[in-house]
Protein backbone atom coordinates (compact mmCIF):
# COMPACT_ATOMS: atom_id res chain seq x y z
CA MET A 1 -42.87 71.35 158.31
CA SER A 2 -44.40 73.29 155.46
CA LYS A 3 -46.99 72.02 153.06
CA THR A 4 -46.32 72.38 149.40
CA THR A 5 -48.84 72.12 146.67
CA THR A 6 -48.11 71.23 143.13
CA LYS A 7 -50.15 72.51 140.28
CA THR A 8 -50.76 70.20 137.40
CA LYS A 9 -50.68 71.85 134.04
CA ALA A 10 -53.42 71.10 131.57
CA PRO A 11 -52.01 69.43 128.48
CA LYS A 12 -51.52 71.74 125.52
CA ILE A 13 -54.03 71.24 122.75
CA ASN A 14 -53.24 72.17 119.16
CA LEU A 15 -56.38 74.07 118.12
CA GLY A 16 -55.05 74.91 114.67
CA GLY A 17 -56.62 78.37 114.82
CA LEU A 18 -60.07 77.04 115.74
CA PRO A 19 -62.03 78.62 118.61
CA ALA A 20 -61.67 76.36 121.67
CA GLN A 21 -65.20 76.84 122.99
CA ALA A 22 -67.00 76.53 119.64
CA MET A 23 -69.56 73.73 119.50
CA TYR A 24 -69.22 71.06 116.80
CA ILE A 25 -72.77 70.78 115.39
CA LYS A 26 -73.72 68.47 112.52
CA THR A 27 -75.78 70.01 109.72
CA GLY A 28 -77.66 66.99 108.44
CA LYS A 29 -75.58 66.63 105.28
CA LEU A 30 -74.39 63.01 105.21
CA ALA A 31 -70.83 62.03 104.43
CA ARG A 32 -70.34 59.15 102.01
CA ALA A 33 -67.55 57.64 104.09
CA VAL A 34 -69.11 55.72 106.96
CA HIS A 35 -66.30 56.58 109.40
CA ASN A 36 -66.82 60.31 108.73
CA ALA A 37 -70.62 60.08 109.17
CA GLU A 38 -70.12 58.23 112.47
CA ARG A 39 -67.66 60.91 113.58
CA HIS A 40 -70.22 63.66 112.92
CA ASP A 41 -72.83 61.85 115.03
CA LEU A 42 -70.39 61.01 117.82
CA TYR A 43 -68.92 64.49 118.32
CA SER A 44 -71.94 66.68 117.60
CA GLY A 45 -72.61 68.82 120.65
CA LYS A 46 -69.03 68.78 121.98
CA THR A 47 -66.64 71.70 122.02
CA VAL A 48 -63.58 71.83 119.80
CA SER A 49 -61.29 71.61 122.84
CA GLU A 50 -63.15 68.54 124.15
CA ILE A 51 -62.78 66.76 120.81
CA LEU A 52 -59.11 67.65 120.33
CA SER A 53 -58.17 66.68 123.89
CA ILE A 54 -59.31 63.06 123.47
CA LYS A 55 -56.39 60.67 123.82
CA PRO A 56 -55.35 58.77 121.81
CA THR A 57 -55.86 61.44 119.18
CA VAL A 58 -58.87 60.65 117.03
CA MET A 59 -59.34 64.01 115.31
CA THR A 60 -57.09 66.84 114.25
CA PRO A 61 -57.88 70.49 113.56
CA ALA A 62 -57.54 69.63 109.86
CA ASP A 63 -60.38 67.07 110.19
CA ILE A 64 -62.67 69.69 111.73
CA LYS A 65 -61.77 72.28 109.08
CA TYR A 66 -62.50 69.69 106.36
CA ASP A 67 -65.93 68.95 107.88
CA VAL A 68 -66.77 72.68 107.99
CA LYS A 69 -65.51 73.28 104.45
CA LEU A 70 -67.69 70.52 103.01
CA GLY A 71 -70.73 71.54 105.05
CA PHE A 72 -71.02 68.44 107.24
CA ILE A 73 -70.77 70.46 110.45
CA THR A 74 -70.84 74.03 111.70
CA LEU A 75 -68.91 75.57 114.55
CA GLU A 76 -71.26 77.57 116.76
CA ASP A 77 -69.54 80.09 119.04
CA SER A 78 -72.25 80.02 121.67
CA TRP A 79 -74.86 77.31 121.80
CA PRO A 80 -77.80 77.98 124.13
CA ILE A 81 -77.99 75.35 126.85
CA ASN A 82 -81.75 74.95 126.53
CA LYS A 83 -81.72 74.56 122.74
CA LYS A 84 -81.87 71.01 121.38
CA LEU A 85 -79.12 69.80 119.11
CA PRO A 86 -80.10 69.15 115.49
CA LEU A 87 -80.38 65.44 114.72
């Protein structure tokens, strides 16, 4: 009797051209829409792949690009572990 192992594939995430390991960091600029401001607080400090892999889908790559374009957040390629997140 032989043992077989099955590998589970990680679900594909549509990154929309965004770097998967970039950190979503809020800048301090406040959005007028309450739901957007809450989103910036909630996801600050998480990677793009972590945010986009949340099910049910709460954010899209377009949402992140919008936040960057308007200056609400920045995407940091490498965030030092010992550095505090901006509040």
